[in-house]
């Protein structure tokens, strides 16, 4: 969470959504901070389900491209 707040400050735009990933290399969790609202994805993805993991990562990259676009 602290890293997401820091990313907002570095972007100099606290209303722009920033996305974060937390992992211990086995379990992956995803979240989004938009303004002051933090949303955590309830699905916990494990390294055993590579299709779901890569799908989630791909979705985050699509969001980043949309913001940059």
PDB file of N, CA and C in Angstrom:
ATOM      1  N   UNK A   1       0.823  -1.181   0.000  1.00  0.00           N
ATOM      2  CA  UNK A   1       0.000   0.000   0.000  1.00  0.00           C
ATOM      3  C   UNK A   1       0.874   1.253   0.000  1.00  0.00           C
ATOM      4  N   UNK A   2       1.911   1.248   0.810  1.00  0.00           N
ATOM      5  CA  UNK A   2       2.796   2.412   0.872  1.00  0.00           C
ATOM      6  C   UNK A   2       3.452   2.677  -0.482  1.00  0.00           C
ATOM      7  N   UNK A   3       3.800   1.620  -1.194  1.00  0.00           N
ATOM      8  CA  UNK A   3       4.417   1.786  -2.509  1.00  0.00           C
ATOM      9  C   UNK A   3       3.429   2.365  -3.516  1.00  0.00           C
ATOM     10  N   UNK A   4       2.165   2.013  -3.408  1.00  0.00           N
ATOM     11  CA  UNK A   4       1.159   2.571  -4.304  1.00  0.00           C
ATOM     12  C   UNK A   4       0.964   4.063  -4.046  1.00  0.00           C
ATOM     13  N   UNK A   5       0.949   4.461  -2.782  1.00  0.00           N
ATOM     14  CA  UNK A   5       0.843   5.889  -2.436  1.00  0.00           C
ATOM     15  C   UNK A   5       2.070   6.632  -2.956  1.00  0.00           C
ATOM     16  N   UNK A   6       3.243   6.021  -2.806  1.00  0.00           N
ATOM     17  CA  UNK A   6       4.470   6.648  -3.313  1.00  0.00           C
ATOM     18  C   UNK A   6       4.414   6.788  -4.834  1.00  0.00           C
ATOM     19  N   UNK A   7       3.875   5.799  -5.519  1.00  0.00           N
ATOM     20  CA  UNK A   7       3.753   5.874  -6.976  1.00  0.00           C
ATOM     21  C   UNK A   7       2.832   7.013  -7.390  1.00  0.00           C
ATOM     22  N   UNK A   8       1.728   7.194  -6.660  1.00  0.00           N
ATOM     23  CA  UNK A   8       0.839   8.326  -6.946  1.00  0.00           C
ATOM     24  C   UNK A   8       1.578   9.647  -6.795  1.00  0.00           C
ATOM     25  N   UNK A   9       2.359   9.769  -5.753  1.00  0.00           N
ATOM     26  CA  UNK A   9       3.093  11.013  -5.516  1.00  0.00           C
ATOM     27  C   UNK A   9       4.145  11.240  -6.599  1.00  0.00           C
ATOM     28  N   UNK A  10       4.835  10.178  -7.014  1.00  0.00           N
ATOM     29  CA  UNK A  10       5.815  10.306  -8.088  1.00  0.00           C
ATOM     30  C   UNK A  10       5.150  10.715  -9.402  1.00  0.00           C
ATOM     31  N   UNK A  11       3.947  10.203  -9.638  1.00  0.00           N
ATOM     32  CA  UNK A  11       3.195  10.566 -10.844  1.00  0.00           C
ATOM     33  C   UNK A  11       2.659  11.992 -10.773  1.00  0.00           C
ATOM     34  N   UNK A  12       2.664  12.571  -9.581  1.00  0.00           N
ATOM     35  CA  UNK A  12       2.101  13.898  -9.333  1.00  0.00           C
ATOM     36  C   UNK A  12       0.640  13.972  -9.775  1.00  0.00           C
ATOM     37  N   UNK A  13      -0.051  12.840  -9.571  1.00  0.00           N
ATOM     38  CA  UNK A  13      -1.462  12.756  -9.936  1.00  0.00           C
ATOM     39  C   UNK A  13      -2.112  11.704  -9.043  1.00  0.00           C
ATOM     40  N   UNK A  14      -2.660  12.152  -7.924  1.00  0.00           N
ATOM     41  CA  UNK A  14      -3.216  11.207  -6.964  1.00  0.00           C
ATOM     42  C   UNK A  14      -4.552  10.629  -7.400  1.00  0.00           C
ATOM     43  N   UNK A  15      -5.142  11.164  -8.472  1.00  0.00           N
ATOM     44  CA  UNK A  15      -6.407  10.601  -8.953  1.00  0.00           C
ATOM     45  C   UNK A  15      -6.187   9.487  -9.974  1.00  0.00           C
ATOM     46  N   UNK A  16      -4.981   9.410 -10.534  1.00  0.00           N
ATOM     47  CA  UNK A  16      -4.676   8.361 -11.502  1.00  0.00           C
ATOM     48  C   UNK A  16      -4.539   7.021 -10.776  1.00  0.00           C
ATOM     49  N   UNK A  17      -5.187   6.001 -11.287  1.00  0.00           N
ATOM     50  CA  UNK A  17      -5.113   4.672 -10.671  1.00  0.00           C
ATOM     51  C   UNK A  17      -3.711   4.102 -10.819  1.00  0.00           C
ATOM     52  N   UNK A  18      -3.236   3.477  -9.749  1.00  0.00           N
ATOM     53  CA  UNK A  18      -1.978   2.731  -9.788  1.00  0.00           C
ATOM     54  C   UNK A  18      -2.272   1.312  -9.331  1.00  0.00           C
ATOM     55  N   UNK A  19      -1.543   0.376  -9.896  1.00  0.00           N
ATOM     56  CA  UNK A  19      -1.792  -1.035  -9.654  1.00  0.00           C
ATOM     57  C   UNK A  19      -0.591  -1.659  -8.967  1.00  0.00           C
ATOM     58  N   UNK A  20      -0.859  -2.626  -8.110  1.00  0.00           N
ATOM     59  CA  UNK A  20       0.227  -3.268  -7.378  1.00  0.00           C
ATOM     60  C   UNK A  20       0.066  -4.772  -7.342  1.00  0.00           C
ATOM     61  N   UNK A  21       1.204  -5.423  -7.178  1.00  0.00           N
ATOM     62  CA  UNK A  21       1.260  -6.880  -7.070  1.00  0.00           C
ATOM     63  C   UNK A  21       2.095  -7.218  -5.843  1.00  0.00           C
ATOM     64  N   UNK A  22       1.598  -8.163  -5.072  1.00  0.00           N
ATOM     65  CA  UNK A  22       2.353  -8.680  -3.936  1.00  0.00           C
ATOM     66  C   UNK A  22       2.499 -10.183  -4.150  1.00  0.00           C
ATOM     67  N   UNK A  23       3.707 -10.679  -3.993  1.00  0.00           N
ATOM     68  CA  UNK A  23       3.931 -12.110  -4.193  1.00  0.00           C
ATOM     69  C   UNK A  23       5.035 -12.614  -3.284  1.00  0.00           C
ATOM     70  N   UNK A  24       4.910 -13.873  -2.928  1.00  0.00           N
ATOM     71  CA  UNK A  24       6.001 -14.561  -2.245  1.00  0.00           C
ATOM     72  C   UNK A  24       6.568 -15.636  -3.177  1.00  0.00           C
ATOM     73  N   UNK A  25       6.301 -15.482  -4.468  1.00  0.00           N
ATOM     74  CA  UNK A  25       6.699 -16.371  -5.551  1.00  0.00           C
ATOM     75  C   UNK A  25       5.778 -17.582  -5.687  1.00  0.00           C
ATOM     76  N   UNK A  26       4.967 -17.868  -4.713  1.00  0.00           N
ATOM     77  CA  UNK A  26       3.986 -18.956  -4.794  1.00  0.00           C
ATOM     78  C   UNK A  26       2.578 -18.388  -4.953  1.00  0.00           C
ATOM     79  N   UNK A  27       2.259 -17.391  -4.149  1.00  0.00           N
ATOM     80  CA  UNK A  27       0.931 -16.786  -4.106  1.00  0.00           C
ATOM     81  C   UNK A  27       1.033 -15.347  -4.601  1.00  0.00           C
ATOM     82  N   UNK A  28       0.128 -14.965  -5.482  1.00  0.00           N
ATOM     83  CA  UNK A  28       0.121 -13.626  -6.063  1.00  0.00           C
ATOM     84  C   UNK A  28      -1.195 -12.945  -5.722  1.00  0.00           C
ATOM     85  N   UNK A  29      -1.127 -11.671  -5.309  1.00  0.00           N
ATOM     86  CA  UNK A  29      -2.312 -10.874  -5.034  1.00  0.00           C
ATOM     87  C   UNK A  29      -2.183  -9.550  -5.774  1.00  0.00           C
ATOM     88  N   UNK A  30      -3.324  -9.022  -6.205  1.00  0.00           N
ATOM     89  CA  UNK A  30      -3.352  -7.816  -7.023  1.00  0.00           C
ATOM     90  C   UNK A  30      -4.256  -6.773  -6.385  1.00  0.00           C
ATOM     91  N   UNK A  31      -3.885  -5.506  -6.568  1.00  0.00           N
ATOM     92  CA  UNK A  31      -4.694  -4.426  -6.018  1.00  0.00           C
ATOM     93  C   UNK A  31      -4.580  -3.168  -6.849  1.00  0.00           C
ATOM     94  N   UNK A  32      -5.476  -2.219  -6.560  1.00  0.00           N
ATOM     95  CA  UNK A  32      -5.502  -0.945  -7.276  1.00  0.00           C
ATOM     96  C   UNK A  32      -5.779   0.159  -6.267  1.00  0.00           C
ATOM     97  N   UNK A  33      -5.057   1.264  -6.404  1.00  0.00           N
ATOM     98  CA  UNK A  33      -5.302   2.457  -5.604  1.00  0.00           C
ATOM     99  C   UNK A  33      -5.697   3.573  -6.550  1.00  0.00           C
ATOM    100  N   UNK A  34      -6.901   4.096  -6.352  1.00  0.00           N
ATOM    101  CA  UNK A  34      -7.400   5.194  -7.170  1.00  0.00           C
ATOM    102  C   UNK A  34      -7.896   6.267  -6.221  1.00  0.00           C
ATOM    103  N   UNK A  35      -7.257   7.431  -6.290  1.00  0.00           N
ATOM    104  CA  UNK A  35      -7.450   8.489  -5.302  1.00  0.00           C
ATOM    105  C   UNK A  35      -7.088   7.904  -3.937  1.00  0.00           C
ATOM    106  N   UNK A  36      -8.044   7.818  -3.034  1.00  0.00           N
ATOM    107  CA  UNK A  36      -7.769   7.228  -1.716  1.00  0.00           C
ATOM    108  C   UNK A  36      -8.484   5.902  -1.517  1.00  0.00           C
ATOM    109  N   UNK A  37      -9.009   5.350  -2.601  1.00  0.00           N
ATOM    110  CA  UNK A  37      -9.751   4.099  -2.524  1.00  0.00           C
ATOM    111  C   UNK A  37      -8.872   2.937  -2.970  1.00  0.00           C
ATOM    112  N   UNK A  38      -8.615   2.013  -2.046  1.00  0.00           N
ATOM    113  CA  UNK A  38      -7.821   0.820  -2.359  1.00  0.00           C
ATOM    114  C   UNK A  38      -8.770  -0.347  -2.584  1.00  0.00           C
ATOM    115  N   UNK A  39      -8.577  -1.024  -3.706  1.00  0.00           N
ATOM    116  CA  UNK A  39      -9.383  -2.194  -4.039  1.00  0.00           C
ATOM    117  C   UNK A  39      -8.446  -3.380  -4.213  1.00  0.00           C
ATOM    118  N   UNK A  40      -8.694  -4.422  -3.437  1.00  0.00           N
ATOM    119  CA  UNK A  40      -7.880  -5.643  -3.545  1.00  0.00           C
ATOM    120  C   UNK A  40      -8.695  -6.692  -4.277  1.00  0.00           C
ATOM    121  N   UNK A  41      -8.065  -7.326  -5.245  1.00  0.00           N
ATOM    122  CA  UNK A  41      -8.704  -8.418  -5.950  1.00  0.00           C
ATOM    123  C   UNK A  41      -8.847  -9.580  -4.979  1.00  0.00           C
ATOM    124  N   UNK A  42     -10.046 -10.114  -4.841  1.00  0.00           N
ATOM    125  CA  UNK A  42     -10.298 -11.184  -3.881  1.00  0.00           C
ATOM    126  C   UNK A  42      -9.671 -12.513  -4.305  1.00  0.00           C
ATOM    127  N   UNK A  43      -9.396 -12.661  -5.591  1.00  0.00           N
ATOM    128  CA  UNK A  43      -8.799 -13.896  -6.086  1.00  0.00           C
ATOM    129  C   UNK A  43      -7.311 -13.921  -5.780  1.00  0.00           C
ATOM    130  N   UNK A  44      -6.882 -14.988  -5.164  1.00  0.00           N
ATOM    131  CA  UNK A  44      -5.455 -15.197  -4.929  1.00  0.00           C
ATOM    132  C   UNK A  44      -4.973 -16.215  -5.952  1.00  0.00           C
ATOM    133  N   UNK A  45      -3.998 -15.827  -6.724  1.00  0.00           N
ATOM    134  CA  UNK A  45      -3.512 -16.661  -7.812  1.00  0.00           C
ATOM    135  C   UNK A  45      -2.241 -17.374  -7.354  1.00  0.00           C
ATOM    136  N   UNK A  46      -2.175 -18.657  -7.638  1.00  0.00           N
ATOM    137  CA  UNK A  46      -0.968 -19.405  -7.293  1.00  0.00           C
ATOM    138  C   UNK A  46      -0.131 -19.632  -8.544  1.00  0.00           C
ATOM    139  N   UNK A  47       1.133 -19.891  -8.323  1.00  0.00           N
ATOM    140  CA  UNK A  47       2.070 -20.131  -9.415  1.00  0.00           C
ATOM    141  C   UNK A  47       1.689 -21.393 -10.192  1.00  0.00           C
ATOM    142  N   UNK A  48       0.903 -22.256  -9.576  1.00  0.00           N
ATOM    143  CA  UNK A  48       0.473 -23.491 -10.242  1.00  0.00           C
ATOM    144  C   UNK A  48      -0.517 -23.230 -11.373  1.00  0.00           C
ATOM    145  N   UNK A  49      -1.189 -22.089 -11.364  1.00  0.00           N
ATOM    146  CA  UNK A  49      -2.161 -21.749 -12.397  1.00  0.00           C
ATOM    147  C   UNK A  49      -1.587 -20.645 -13.279  1.00  0.00           C
ATOM    148  N   UNK A  50      -0.663 -21.032 -14.152  1.00  0.00           N
ATOM    149  CA  UNK A  50       0.042 -20.048 -14.982  1.00  0.00           C
ATOM    150  C   UNK A  50      -0.891 -19.306 -15.929  1.00  0.00           C
ATOM    151  N   UNK A  51      -1.913 -19.967 -16.440  1.00  0.00           N
ATOM    152  CA  UNK A  51      -2.841 -19.281 -17.355  1.00  0.00           C
ATOM    153  C   UNK A  51      -3.537 -18.127 -16.633  1.00  0.00           C
ATOM    154  N   UNK A  52      -4.003 -18.353 -15.425  1.00  0.00           N
ATOM    155  CA  UNK A  52      -4.664 -17.291 -14.666  1.00  0.00           C
ATOM    156  C   UNK A  52      -3.667 -16.199 -14.270  1.00  0.00           C
ATOM    157  N   UNK A  53      -2.474 -16.591 -13.861  1.00  0.00           N
ATOM    158  CA  UNK A  53      -1.450 -15.622 -13.471  1.00  0.00           C
ATOM    159  C   UNK A  53      -1.063 -14.733 -14.648  1.00  0.00           C
ATOM    160  N   UNK A  54      -0.777 -15.339 -15.796  1.00  0.00           N
ATOM    161  CA  UNK A  54      -0.399 -14.545 -16.964  1.00  0.00           C
ATOM    162  C   UNK A  54      -1.568 -13.701 -17.452  1.00  0.00           C
ATOM    163  N   UNK A  55      -2.790 -14.197 -17.302  1.00  0.00           N
ATOM    164  CA  UNK A  55      -3.962 -13.405 -17.666  1.00  0.00           C
ATOM    165  C   UNK A  55      -4.074 -12.154 -16.809  1.00  0.00           C
ATOM    166  N   UNK A  56      -3.840 -12.303 -15.516  1.00  0.00           N
ATOM    167  CA  UNK A  56      -3.894 -11.156 -14.604  1.00  0.00           C
ATOM    168  C   UNK A  56      -2.776 -10.160 -14.928  1.00  0.00           C
ATOM    169  N   UNK A  57      -1.579 -10.659 -15.185  1.00  0.00           N
ATOM    170  CA  UNK A  57      -0.465  -9.779 -15.529  1.00  0.00           C
ATOM    171  C   UNK A  57      -0.717  -9.055 -16.855  1.00  0.00           C
ATOM    172  N   UNK A  58      -1.270  -9.770 -17.809  1.00  0.00           N
ATOM    173  CA  UNK A  58      -1.594  -9.165 -19.100  1.00  0.00           C
ATOM    174  C   UNK A  58      -2.622  -8.036 -18.929  1.00  0.00           C
ATOM    175  N   UNK A  59      -3.622  -8.275 -18.109  1.00  0.00           N
ATOM    176  CA  UNK A  59      -4.643  -7.257 -17.853  1.00  0.00           C
ATOM    177  C   UNK A  59      -4.025  -6.002 -17.238  1.00  0.00           C
ATOM    178  N   UNK A  60      -3.090  -6.179 -16.298  1.00  0.00           N
ATOM    179  CA  UNK A  60      -2.414  -5.013 -15.704  1.00  0.00           C
ATOM    180  C   UNK A  60      -1.618  -4.248 -16.751  1.00  0.00           C
ATOM    181  N   UNK A  61      -0.941  -4.971 -17.651  1.00  0.00           N
ATOM    182  CA  UNK A  61      -0.164  -4.300 -18.687  1.00  0.00           C
ATOM    183  C   UNK A  61      -1.089  -3.548 -19.643  1.00  0.00           C
ATOM    184  N   UNK A  62      -2.251  -4.128 -19.959  1.00  0.00           N
ATOM    185  CA  UNK A  62      -3.227  -3.421 -20.802  1.00  0.00           C
ATOM    186  C   UNK A  62      -3.663  -2.107 -20.144  1.00  0.00           C
ATOM    187  N   UNK A  63      -3.898  -2.141 -18.841  1.00  0.00           N
ATOM    188  CA  UNK A  63      -4.299  -0.944 -18.124  1.00  0.00           C
ATOM    189  C   UNK A  63      -3.195   0.117 -18.184  1.00  0.00           C
ATOM    190  N   UNK A  64      -1.958  -0.306 -18.039  1.00  0.00           N
ATOM    191  CA  UNK A  64      -0.827   0.633 -18.090  1.00  0.00           C
ATOM    192  C   UNK A  64      -0.724   1.286 -19.475  1.00  0.00           C
ATOM    193  N   UNK A  65      -0.913   0.500 -20.510  1.00  0.00           N
ATOM    194  CA  UNK A  65      -0.841   1.041 -21.874  1.00  0.00           C
ATOM    195  C   UNK A  65      -1.978   2.027 -22.105  1.00  0.00           C
ATOM    196  N   UNK A  66      -3.145   1.735 -21.589  1.00  0.00           N
ATOM    197  CA  UNK A  66      -4.301   2.624 -21.728  1.00  0.00           C
ATOM    198  C   UNK A  66      -4.028   3.973 -21.078  1.00  0.00           C
ATOM    199  N   UNK A  67      -3.405   3.945 -19.917  1.00  0.00           N
ATOM    200  CA  UNK A  67      -3.087   5.186 -19.198  1.00  0.00           C
ATOM    201  C   UNK A  67      -2.040   5.981 -19.960  1.00  0.00           C
ATOM    202  N   UNK A  68      -1.021   5.292 -20.485  1.00  0.00           N
ATOM    203  CA  UNK A  68       0.050   5.964 -21.211  1.00  0.00           C
ATOM    204  C   UNK A  68      -0.433   6.483 -22.563  1.00  0.00           C
ATOM    205  N   UNK A  69      -1.370   5.731 -23.171  1.00  0.00           N
ATOM    206  CA  UNK A  69      -1.848   5.967 -24.522  1.00  0.00           C
ATOM    207  C   UNK A  69      -2.226   7.329 -24.809  1.00  0.00           C
TER     208      UNK A  69
END
